[in-house]
Amino acid sequence: MMPQKLSLHDLERAKGLLETVGPAAAYDYLSAKGYRYAVLANGVAKGGLYLAMRLLIL
């Protein structure tokens, strides 16, 4: 899946999730928009680099 172009609204939403819920929620949001880096970052944020790398390979 190609990443979707992010609008200002999308970035504000991700920032709001980061500030209110935490990094995992922001990364989940960006991942749903097609940004695979967010999967890796989320895995690192949760302390599971190996799992994150495996998810990127799938």
C-alpha atoms as a PDB file:
ATOM      1  CA  MET A   1       0.000   0.000   0.000  1.00  0.00           C
ATOM      2  CA  MET A   2       1.351   3.384  -0.962  1.00  0.00           C
ATOM      3  CA  PRO A   3       1.344   5.945   1.828  1.00  0.00           C
ATOM      4  CA  GLN A   4      -1.435   8.484   1.682  1.00  0.00           C
ATOM      5  CA  LYS A   5      -0.508  12.132   1.418  1.00  0.00           C
ATOM      6  CA  LEU A   6      -0.834  13.614   4.888  1.00  0.00           C
ATOM      7  CA  SER A   7      -2.834  16.782   5.316  1.00  0.00           C
ATOM      8  CA  LEU A   8      -2.396  19.359   8.037  1.00  0.00           C
ATOM      9  CA  HIS A   9      -5.428  17.780   9.727  1.00  0.00           C
ATOM     10  CA  ASP A  10      -3.717  14.367   9.671  1.00  0.00           C
ATOM     11  CA  LEU A  11      -0.581  15.782  11.269  1.00  0.00           C
ATOM     12  CA  GLU A  12      -2.595  17.585  13.922  1.00  0.00           C
ATOM     13  CA  ARG A  13      -4.488  14.360  14.655  1.00  0.00           C
ATOM     14  CA  ALA A  14      -1.232  12.405  15.017  1.00  0.00           C
ATOM     15  CA  LYS A  15       0.184  15.105  17.298  1.00  0.00           C
ATOM     16  CA  GLY A  16      -2.988  15.056  19.414  1.00  0.00           C
ATOM     17  CA  LEU A  17      -2.789  11.289  19.773  1.00  0.00           C
ATOM     18  CA  LEU A  18       0.870  11.547  20.736  1.00  0.00           C
ATOM     19  CA  GLU A  19       0.150  14.142  23.412  1.00  0.00           C
ATOM     20  CA  THR A  20      -3.016  12.601  24.852  1.00  0.00           C
ATOM     21  CA  VAL A  21      -2.688   8.853  24.382  1.00  0.00           C
ATOM     22  CA  GLY A  22       0.994   8.248  23.673  1.00  0.00           C
ATOM     23  CA  PRO A  23       3.391   7.341  20.882  1.00  0.00           C
ATOM     24  CA  ALA A  24       1.822   3.954  20.113  1.00  0.00           C
ATOM     25  CA  ALA A  25      -1.495   5.590  19.188  1.00  0.00           C
ATOM     26  CA  ALA A  26       0.196   8.145  16.938  1.00  0.00           C
ATOM     27  CA  TYR A  27       2.239   5.426  15.230  1.00  0.00           C
ATOM     28  CA  ASP A  28      -0.867   3.267  14.768  1.00  0.00           C
ATOM     29  CA  TYR A  29      -2.589   6.217  13.097  1.00  0.00           C
ATOM     30  CA  LEU A  30       0.335   6.818  10.731  1.00  0.00           C
ATOM     31  CA  SER A  31       0.623   3.109  10.014  1.00  0.00           C
ATOM     32  CA  ALA A  32      -3.042   3.039   8.993  1.00  0.00           C
ATOM     33  CA  LYS A  33      -2.203   5.804   6.505  1.00  0.00           C
ATOM     34  CA  GLY A  34       0.374   3.502   4.891  1.00  0.00           C
ATOM     35  CA  TYR A  35       3.556   4.685   6.586  1.00  0.00           C
ATOM     36  CA  ARG A  36       5.516   1.508   7.245  1.00  0.00           C
ATOM     37  CA  TYR A  37       8.177   3.364   9.231  1.00  0.00           C
ATOM     38  CA  ALA A  38       5.496   3.879  11.877  1.00  0.00           C
ATOM     39  CA  VAL A  39       5.317   0.098  12.372  1.00  0.00           C
ATOM     40  CA  LEU A  40       9.033  -0.002  13.143  1.00  0.00           C
ATOM     41  CA  ALA A  41       8.873   3.078  15.361  1.00  0.00           C
ATOM     42  CA  ASN A  42       5.924   1.641  17.251  1.00  0.00           C
ATOM     43  CA  GLY A  43       7.811  -1.583  17.872  1.00  0.00           C
ATOM     44  CA  VAL A  44      10.794   0.335  19.186  1.00  0.00           C
ATOM     45  CA  ALA A  45       8.546   2.503  21.358  1.00  0.00           C
ATOM     46  CA  LYS A  46       7.055  -0.647  22.846  1.00  0.00           C
ATOM     47  CA  GLY A  47      10.527  -2.142  23.346  1.00  0.00           C
ATOM     48  CA  GLY A  48      10.258  -4.842  20.713  1.00  0.00           C
ATOM     49  CA  LEU A  49      12.720  -4.052  17.946  1.00  0.00           C
ATOM     50  CA  TYR A  50      12.825  -7.674  16.788  1.00  0.00           C
ATOM     51  CA  LEU A  51       9.034  -7.845  16.478  1.00  0.00           C
ATOM     52  CA  ALA A  52       8.993  -4.515  14.671  1.00  0.00           C
ATOM     53  CA  MET A  53      11.519  -5.752  12.142  1.00  0.00           C
ATOM     54  CA  ARG A  54       9.490  -8.932  11.594  1.00  0.00           C
ATOM     55  CA  LEU A  55       6.340  -6.889  10.964  1.00  0.00           C
ATOM     56  CA  LEU A  56       8.123  -4.803   8.344  1.00  0.00           C
ATOM     57  CA  ILE A  57       9.219  -7.951   6.531  1.00  0.00           C
ATOM     58  CA  LEU A  58       5.647  -9.267   6.250  1.00  0.00           C
END
